[in-house]
């Protein structure tokens, strides 16, 4: 997966901070929907493989499998726990209201497990590499 960014500062001999513009749901034309309330720029630490300097536009790359793995953990796993909570209550013969309550408890449990298992893994986050200078 590749994205364009701008080097904001050098962190070490082979590391740099890169500002990447986050794409919006409206395709970057925020005037058409006026629903953007999030920060549109994200800063990431990248391995500076091409000796980029602050202010230069660069192309950064990350492993697509790592990105999809993170997406799976954040979006799919809580949904799976949500459905498992409902199914477990239904299997035990609970009423509709209890099934719905158990599904939300499953969602909360999935989110809690995600947070607890990922706290120590901040050092092993997705690796970004600056692979090309643009312009």
N, C-alpha and C. Protein backbone atom coordinates (compact mmCIF):
# COMPACT_ATOMS: atom_id res chain seq x y z
N UNK A 1 0.85 -1.16 0.00
CA UNK A 1 0.00 0.00 0.00
C UNK A 1 0.91 1.23 0.00
N UNK A 2 0.68 2.14 -0.92
CA UNK A 2 1.52 3.34 -1.00
C UNK A 2 0.66 4.59 -0.81
N UNK A 3 1.29 5.63 -0.27
CA UNK A 3 0.65 6.92 -0.07
C UNK A 3 1.68 8.01 -0.27
N UNK A 4 1.20 9.19 -0.60
CA UNK A 4 2.07 10.35 -0.72
C UNK A 4 2.06 11.11 0.60
N UNK A 5 3.20 11.71 0.92
CA UNK A 5 3.30 12.50 2.13
C UNK A 5 4.39 13.54 2.00
N UNK A 6 4.55 14.34 3.04
CA UNK A 6 5.59 15.36 3.09
C UNK A 6 6.41 15.13 4.34
N UNK A 7 7.72 15.08 4.20
CA UNK A 7 8.60 14.90 5.34
C UNK A 7 8.55 16.18 6.18
N UNK A 8 8.23 16.04 7.47
CA UNK A 8 8.14 17.21 8.34
C UNK A 8 9.41 17.42 9.14
N UNK A 9 10.06 16.31 9.53
CA UNK A 9 11.34 16.45 10.25
C UNK A 9 12.07 15.12 10.25
N UNK A 10 13.38 15.21 10.45
CA UNK A 10 14.22 14.02 10.55
C UNK A 10 14.31 13.63 12.03
N UNK A 11 14.15 12.35 12.31
CA UNK A 11 14.17 11.88 13.70
C UNK A 11 15.51 11.24 14.05
N UNK A 12 16.07 10.54 13.13
CA UNK A 12 17.38 9.90 13.31
C UNK A 12 18.01 9.79 11.93
N UNK A 13 19.13 9.12 11.86
CA UNK A 13 19.83 9.02 10.58
C UNK A 13 18.97 8.35 9.51
N UNK A 14 18.19 7.36 9.89
CA UNK A 14 17.40 6.64 8.89
C UNK A 14 15.89 6.68 9.18
N UNK A 15 15.44 7.63 10.00
CA UNK A 15 14.02 7.75 10.34
C UNK A 15 13.55 9.19 10.08
N UNK A 16 12.29 9.31 9.67
CA UNK A 16 11.73 10.64 9.42
C UNK A 16 10.25 10.63 9.80
N UNK A 17 9.76 11.81 10.14
CA UNK A 17 8.33 11.97 10.39
C UNK A 17 7.70 12.48 9.10
N UNK A 18 6.62 11.82 8.67
CA UNK A 18 5.97 12.14 7.42
C UNK A 18 4.52 12.50 7.69
N UNK A 19 4.07 13.62 7.13
CA UNK A 19 2.66 14.02 7.24
C UNK A 19 1.93 13.49 6.01
N UNK A 20 0.91 12.69 6.27
CA UNK A 20 0.13 12.08 5.20
C UNK A 20 -1.29 12.62 5.28
N UNK A 21 -1.82 13.06 4.16
CA UNK A 21 -3.19 13.57 4.13
C UNK A 21 -4.16 12.40 4.08
N UNK A 22 -5.05 12.36 5.05
CA UNK A 22 -6.04 11.29 5.13
C UNK A 22 -7.14 11.55 4.11
N UNK A 23 -7.51 10.51 3.38
CA UNK A 23 -8.60 10.65 2.41
C UNK A 23 -9.92 10.69 3.16
N UNK A 24 -10.85 11.45 2.62
CA UNK A 24 -12.16 11.58 3.25
C UNK A 24 -13.18 10.74 2.52
N UNK A 25 -14.33 10.56 3.14
CA UNK A 25 -15.40 9.77 2.53
C UNK A 25 -15.93 10.44 1.27
N UNK A 26 -15.80 11.76 1.20
CA UNK A 26 -16.32 12.48 0.03
C UNK A 26 -15.25 12.62 -1.06
N UNK A 27 -14.13 11.93 -0.92
CA UNK A 27 -13.12 11.95 -1.96
C UNK A 27 -12.25 13.18 -1.96
N UNK A 28 -12.18 13.89 -0.86
CA UNK A 28 -11.33 15.07 -0.77
C UNK A 28 -12.04 16.36 -1.10
N UNK A 29 -13.26 16.31 -1.59
CA UNK A 29 -14.03 17.50 -1.90
C UNK A 29 -14.96 17.80 -0.72
N UNK A 30 -14.38 18.27 0.38
CA UNK A 30 -15.12 18.44 1.62
C UNK A 30 -16.23 19.48 1.52
N UNK A 31 -16.14 20.38 0.58
CA UNK A 31 -17.18 21.39 0.41
C UNK A 31 -18.50 20.79 -0.04
N UNK A 32 -18.45 19.59 -0.61
CA UNK A 32 -19.67 18.99 -1.12
C UNK A 32 -20.52 18.36 -0.02
N UNK A 33 -19.90 17.90 1.07
CA UNK A 33 -20.72 17.26 2.10
C UNK A 33 -20.60 17.94 3.46
N UNK A 34 -19.54 18.69 3.69
CA UNK A 34 -19.32 19.44 4.92
C UNK A 34 -19.45 18.58 6.17
N UNK A 35 -19.06 17.30 6.07
CA UNK A 35 -19.19 16.42 7.23
C UNK A 35 -17.84 16.07 7.85
N UNK A 36 -16.75 16.62 7.34
CA UNK A 36 -15.43 16.30 7.88
C UNK A 36 -15.23 17.00 9.21
N UNK A 37 -15.03 16.22 10.24
CA UNK A 37 -14.78 16.80 11.56
C UNK A 37 -13.47 16.26 12.13
N UNK A 38 -12.84 15.34 11.43
CA UNK A 38 -11.60 14.75 11.91
C UNK A 38 -10.40 15.46 11.32
N UNK A 39 -9.28 15.28 11.98
CA UNK A 39 -8.03 15.85 11.48
C UNK A 39 -7.72 15.20 10.13
N UNK A 40 -7.42 16.00 9.13
CA UNK A 40 -7.19 15.44 7.80
C UNK A 40 -5.74 15.09 7.55
N UNK A 41 -4.86 15.35 8.51
CA UNK A 41 -3.46 15.04 8.34
C UNK A 41 -2.99 14.13 9.47
N UNK A 42 -2.32 13.06 9.10
CA UNK A 42 -1.80 12.10 10.07
C UNK A 42 -0.29 12.07 9.95
N UNK A 43 0.40 12.06 11.08
CA UNK A 43 1.86 11.98 11.06
C UNK A 43 2.28 10.57 11.41
N UNK A 44 3.22 10.05 10.63
CA UNK A 44 3.72 8.70 10.82
C UNK A 44 5.25 8.72 10.80
N UNK A 45 5.83 7.79 11.51
CA UNK A 45 7.27 7.63 11.51
C UNK A 45 7.63 6.60 10.44
N UNK A 46 8.56 6.97 9.56
CA UNK A 46 8.91 6.10 8.44
C UNK A 46 10.42 5.93 8.35
N UNK A 47 10.82 4.77 7.83
CA UNK A 47 12.24 4.51 7.56
C UNK A 47 12.62 5.30 6.31
N UNK A 48 13.60 6.16 6.45
CA UNK A 48 14.01 7.06 5.38
C UNK A 48 15.04 6.36 4.49
N UNK A 49 14.56 5.58 3.54
CA UNK A 49 15.45 4.78 2.68
C UNK A 49 16.07 5.59 1.55
N UNK A 50 15.57 6.81 1.27
CA UNK A 50 16.05 7.59 0.13
C UNK A 50 16.68 8.92 0.57
N UNK A 51 16.98 9.06 1.86
CA UNK A 51 17.59 10.27 2.41
C UNK A 51 16.78 11.53 2.11
N UNK A 52 15.48 11.45 2.31
CA UNK A 52 14.60 12.60 2.10
C UNK A 52 14.85 13.66 3.17
N UNK A 53 14.64 14.91 2.81
CA UNK A 53 14.84 16.04 3.71
C UNK A 53 13.49 16.68 4.04
N UNK A 54 13.41 17.41 5.15
CA UNK A 54 12.15 18.07 5.51
C UNK A 54 11.64 18.97 4.38
N UNK A 55 10.34 18.89 4.13
CA UNK A 55 9.71 19.68 3.08
C UNK A 55 9.56 18.95 1.76
N UNK A 56 10.23 17.82 1.59
CA UNK A 56 10.14 17.10 0.33
C UNK A 56 8.91 16.19 0.31
N UNK A 57 8.26 16.12 -0.87
CA UNK A 57 7.16 15.18 -1.06
C UNK A 57 7.74 13.81 -1.35
N UNK A 58 7.18 12.80 -0.69
CA UNK A 58 7.70 11.45 -0.82
C UNK A 58 6.57 10.45 -1.00
N UNK A 59 6.95 9.28 -1.44
CA UNK A 59 6.03 8.15 -1.55
C UNK A 59 6.40 7.18 -0.43
N UNK A 60 5.43 6.86 0.42
CA UNK A 60 5.72 5.91 1.50
C UNK A 60 4.95 4.62 1.24
N UNK A 61 5.50 3.53 1.73
CA UNK A 61 4.92 2.22 1.47
C UNK A 61 4.81 1.45 2.78
N UNK A 62 3.76 0.67 2.89
CA UNK A 62 3.60 -0.25 4.01
C UNK A 62 3.10 -1.57 3.45
N UNK A 63 3.32 -2.63 4.20
CA UNK A 63 2.84 -3.94 3.75
C UNK A 63 1.32 -3.96 3.82
N UNK A 64 0.69 -4.29 2.73
CA UNK A 64 -0.77 -4.32 2.66
C UNK A 64 -1.34 -5.34 3.64
N UNK A 65 -0.67 -6.46 3.81
CA UNK A 65 -1.17 -7.49 4.73
C UNK A 65 -1.20 -6.97 6.16
N UNK A 66 -0.24 -6.15 6.55
CA UNK A 66 -0.23 -5.59 7.90
C UNK A 66 -1.38 -4.62 8.09
N UNK A 67 -1.66 -3.83 7.07
CA UNK A 67 -2.77 -2.87 7.14
C UNK A 67 -4.10 -3.61 7.23
N UNK A 68 -4.28 -4.63 6.39
CA UNK A 68 -5.53 -5.39 6.43
C UNK A 68 -5.66 -6.17 7.73
N UNK A 69 -4.55 -6.62 8.29
CA UNK A 69 -4.59 -7.29 9.60
C UNK A 69 -5.09 -6.35 10.68
N UNK A 70 -4.62 -5.10 10.65
CA UNK A 70 -5.08 -4.11 11.63
C UNK A 70 -6.56 -3.79 11.42
N UNK A 71 -6.98 -3.68 10.17
CA UNK A 71 -8.38 -3.42 9.87
C UNK A 71 -9.25 -4.57 10.39
N UNK A 72 -8.79 -5.79 10.19
CA UNK A 72 -9.53 -6.96 10.67
C UNK A 72 -9.69 -6.91 12.19
N UNK A 73 -8.60 -6.62 12.89
CA UNK A 73 -8.66 -6.56 14.35
C UNK A 73 -9.60 -5.48 14.86
N UNK A 74 -9.56 -4.32 14.25
CA UNK A 74 -10.32 -3.18 14.75
C UNK A 74 -11.79 -3.25 14.36
N UNK A 75 -12.10 -3.68 13.15
CA UNK A 75 -13.48 -3.63 12.67
C UNK A 75 -14.20 -4.98 12.71
N UNK A 76 -13.52 -6.06 12.37
CA UNK A 76 -14.20 -7.35 12.25
C UNK A 76 -14.31 -8.09 13.58
N UNK A 77 -13.24 -8.12 14.37
CA UNK A 77 -13.28 -8.89 15.61
C UNK A 77 -14.36 -8.41 16.59
N UNK A 78 -14.55 -7.12 16.84
CA UNK A 78 -15.67 -6.72 17.71
C UNK A 78 -17.03 -7.15 17.15
N UNK A 79 -17.19 -7.12 15.83
CA UNK A 79 -18.44 -7.56 15.22
C UNK A 79 -18.65 -9.06 15.45
N UNK A 80 -17.58 -9.83 15.35
CA UNK A 80 -17.67 -11.27 15.60
C UNK A 80 -18.10 -11.52 17.05
N UNK A 81 -17.51 -10.81 18.01
CA UNK A 81 -17.91 -10.96 19.41
C UNK A 81 -19.35 -10.52 19.62
N UNK A 82 -19.78 -9.49 18.90
CA UNK A 82 -21.17 -9.02 18.96
C UNK A 82 -22.13 -10.15 18.55
N UNK A 83 -21.83 -10.79 17.43
CA UNK A 83 -22.68 -11.87 16.93
C UNK A 83 -22.59 -13.11 17.82
N UNK A 84 -21.41 -13.42 18.34
CA UNK A 84 -21.25 -14.56 19.24
C UNK A 84 -22.05 -14.36 20.53
N UNK A 85 -22.07 -13.13 21.04
CA UNK A 85 -22.85 -12.84 22.24
C UNK A 85 -24.33 -13.11 22.02
N UNK A 86 -24.83 -12.68 20.89
CA UNK A 86 -26.24 -12.91 20.57
C UNK A 86 -26.50 -14.41 20.40
N UNK A 87 -25.64 -15.09 19.64
CA UNK A 87 -25.83 -16.52 19.37
C UNK A 87 -25.76 -17.35 20.65
N UNK A 88 -24.85 -17.00 21.54
CA UNK A 88 -24.73 -17.75 22.80
C UNK A 88 -25.99 -17.60 23.63
N UNK A 89 -26.52 -16.40 23.73
CA UNK A 89 -27.75 -16.18 24.51
C UNK A 89 -28.94 -16.87 23.85
N UNK A 90 -29.02 -16.82 22.54
CA UNK A 90 -30.12 -17.46 21.82
C UNK A 90 -30.08 -18.97 22.00
N UNK A 91 -28.85 -19.55 21.94
CA UNK A 91 -28.68 -20.98 22.11
C UNK A 91 -29.13 -21.42 23.51
N UNK A 92 -28.92 -20.58 24.50
CA UNK A 92 -29.32 -20.90 25.87
C UNK A 92 -30.81 -20.62 26.12
N UNK A 93 -31.53 -20.17 25.09
CA UNK A 93 -32.97 -19.96 25.21
C UNK A 93 -33.37 -18.64 25.83
N UNK A 94 -32.52 -17.65 25.79
CA UNK A 94 -32.82 -16.35 26.39
C UNK A 94 -33.85 -15.60 25.54
N UNK A 95 -34.51 -14.64 26.17
CA UNK A 95 -35.48 -13.81 25.45
C UNK A 95 -34.74 -12.86 24.50
N UNK A 96 -35.52 -12.23 23.63
CA UNK A 96 -34.92 -11.32 22.63
C UNK A 96 -34.15 -10.19 23.30
N UNK A 97 -34.70 -9.60 24.34
CA UNK A 97 -34.03 -8.51 25.05
C UNK A 97 -32.70 -8.94 25.66
N UNK A 98 -32.69 -10.12 26.25
CA UNK A 98 -31.44 -10.65 26.84
C UNK A 98 -30.43 -10.96 25.74
N UNK A 99 -30.91 -11.47 24.61
CA UNK A 99 -30.00 -11.75 23.48
C UNK A 99 -29.33 -10.47 23.00
N UNK A 100 -30.11 -9.40 22.90
CA UNK A 100 -29.56 -8.12 22.46
C UNK A 100 -28.56 -7.59 23.49
N UNK A 101 -28.90 -7.70 24.75
CA UNK A 101 -27.99 -7.28 25.81
C UNK A 101 -26.68 -8.07 25.75
N UNK A 102 -26.78 -9.38 25.56
CA UNK A 102 -25.58 -10.21 25.47
C UNK A 102 -24.75 -9.87 24.24
N UNK A 103 -25.40 -9.48 23.15
CA UNK A 103 -24.64 -9.11 21.96
C UNK A 103 -23.81 -7.85 22.22
N UNK A 104 -24.39 -6.88 22.94
CA UNK A 104 -23.62 -5.67 23.25
C UNK A 104 -22.54 -5.95 24.29
N UNK A 105 -22.80 -6.89 25.20
CA UNK A 105 -21.75 -7.30 26.14
C UNK A 105 -20.61 -7.98 25.39
N UNK A 106 -20.95 -8.77 24.38
CA UNK A 106 -19.94 -9.40 23.53
C UNK A 106 -19.12 -8.37 22.78
N UNK A 107 -19.79 -7.33 22.27
CA UNK A 107 -19.09 -6.25 21.59
C UNK A 107 -18.12 -5.55 22.53
N UNK A 108 -18.58 -5.26 23.75
CA UNK A 108 -17.70 -4.61 24.73
C UNK A 108 -16.53 -5.52 25.10
N UNK A 109 -16.80 -6.81 25.25
CA UNK A 109 -15.73 -7.76 25.56
C UNK A 109 -14.70 -7.82 24.43
N UNK A 110 -15.17 -7.84 23.19
CA UNK A 110 -14.26 -7.86 22.05
C UNK A 110 -13.40 -6.61 22.00
N UNK A 111 -14.00 -5.45 22.25
CA UNK A 111 -13.24 -4.20 22.26
C UNK A 111 -12.23 -4.19 23.40
N UNK A 112 -12.64 -4.68 24.57
CA UNK A 112 -11.72 -4.73 25.71
C UNK A 112 -10.55 -5.66 25.44
N UNK A 113 -10.82 -6.83 24.88
CA UNK A 113 -9.74 -7.76 24.54
C UNK A 113 -8.79 -7.16 23.51
N UNK A 114 -9.33 -6.43 22.54
CA UNK A 114 -8.50 -5.78 21.54
C UNK A 114 -7.57 -4.77 22.18
N UNK A 115 -8.10 -3.94 23.06
CA UNK A 115 -7.28 -2.92 23.73
C UNK A 115 -6.21 -3.58 24.59
N UNK A 116 -6.58 -4.60 25.36
CA UNK A 116 -5.62 -5.24 26.26
C UNK A 116 -4.52 -5.98 25.50
N UNK A 117 -4.86 -6.62 24.40
CA UNK A 117 -3.83 -7.36 23.66
C UNK A 117 -2.93 -6.47 22.82
N UNK A 118 -3.40 -5.27 22.47
CA UNK A 118 -2.61 -4.39 21.61
C UNK A 118 -1.79 -3.36 22.37
N UNK A 119 -1.99 -3.22 23.66
CA UNK A 119 -1.24 -2.21 24.43
C UNK A 119 0.26 -2.41 24.36
N UNK A 120 0.74 -3.60 24.50
CA UNK A 120 2.17 -3.86 24.49
C UNK A 120 2.76 -3.96 23.11
N UNK A 121 1.96 -3.87 22.08
CA UNK A 121 2.44 -4.05 20.71
C UNK A 121 2.63 -2.75 19.96
N UNK A 122 2.67 -1.62 20.64
CA UNK A 122 2.87 -0.34 19.96
C UNK A 122 4.22 -0.28 19.25
N UNK A 123 5.20 -0.98 19.79
CA UNK A 123 6.52 -0.98 19.17
C UNK A 123 6.52 -1.79 17.87
N UNK A 124 5.61 -2.73 17.75
CA UNK A 124 5.53 -3.58 16.56
C UNK A 124 4.42 -3.12 15.63
N UNK A 125 4.26 -1.83 15.52
CA UNK A 125 3.20 -1.31 14.67
C UNK A 125 3.57 -1.48 13.20
N UNK A 126 2.72 -1.01 12.35
CA UNK A 126 2.93 -1.14 10.91
C UNK A 126 4.18 -0.35 10.51
N UNK A 127 5.03 -0.98 9.73
CA UNK A 127 6.28 -0.34 9.29
C UNK A 127 6.03 0.43 8.00
N UNK A 128 6.46 1.69 8.01
CA UNK A 128 6.37 2.55 6.83
C UNK A 128 7.77 2.81 6.31
N UNK A 129 7.93 2.75 5.00
CA UNK A 129 9.21 3.02 4.34
C UNK A 129 9.04 4.13 3.32
N UNK A 130 9.95 5.10 3.34
CA UNK A 130 9.98 6.11 2.27
C UNK A 130 10.74 5.49 1.12
N UNK A 131 10.05 5.29 0.01
CA UNK A 131 10.66 4.54 -1.10
C UNK A 131 11.01 5.42 -2.30
N UNK A 132 10.48 6.65 -2.36
CA UNK A 132 10.73 7.46 -3.55
C UNK A 132 10.51 8.93 -3.23
N UNK A 133 11.36 9.79 -3.81
CA UNK A 133 11.16 11.22 -3.75
C UNK A 133 10.27 11.64 -4.91
N UNK A 134 9.31 12.51 -4.64
CA UNK A 134 8.41 13.00 -5.69
C UNK A 134 8.81 14.42 -6.06
N UNK A 135 8.50 14.84 -7.26
CA UNK A 135 8.79 16.17 -7.83
C UNK A 135 10.14 16.22 -8.45
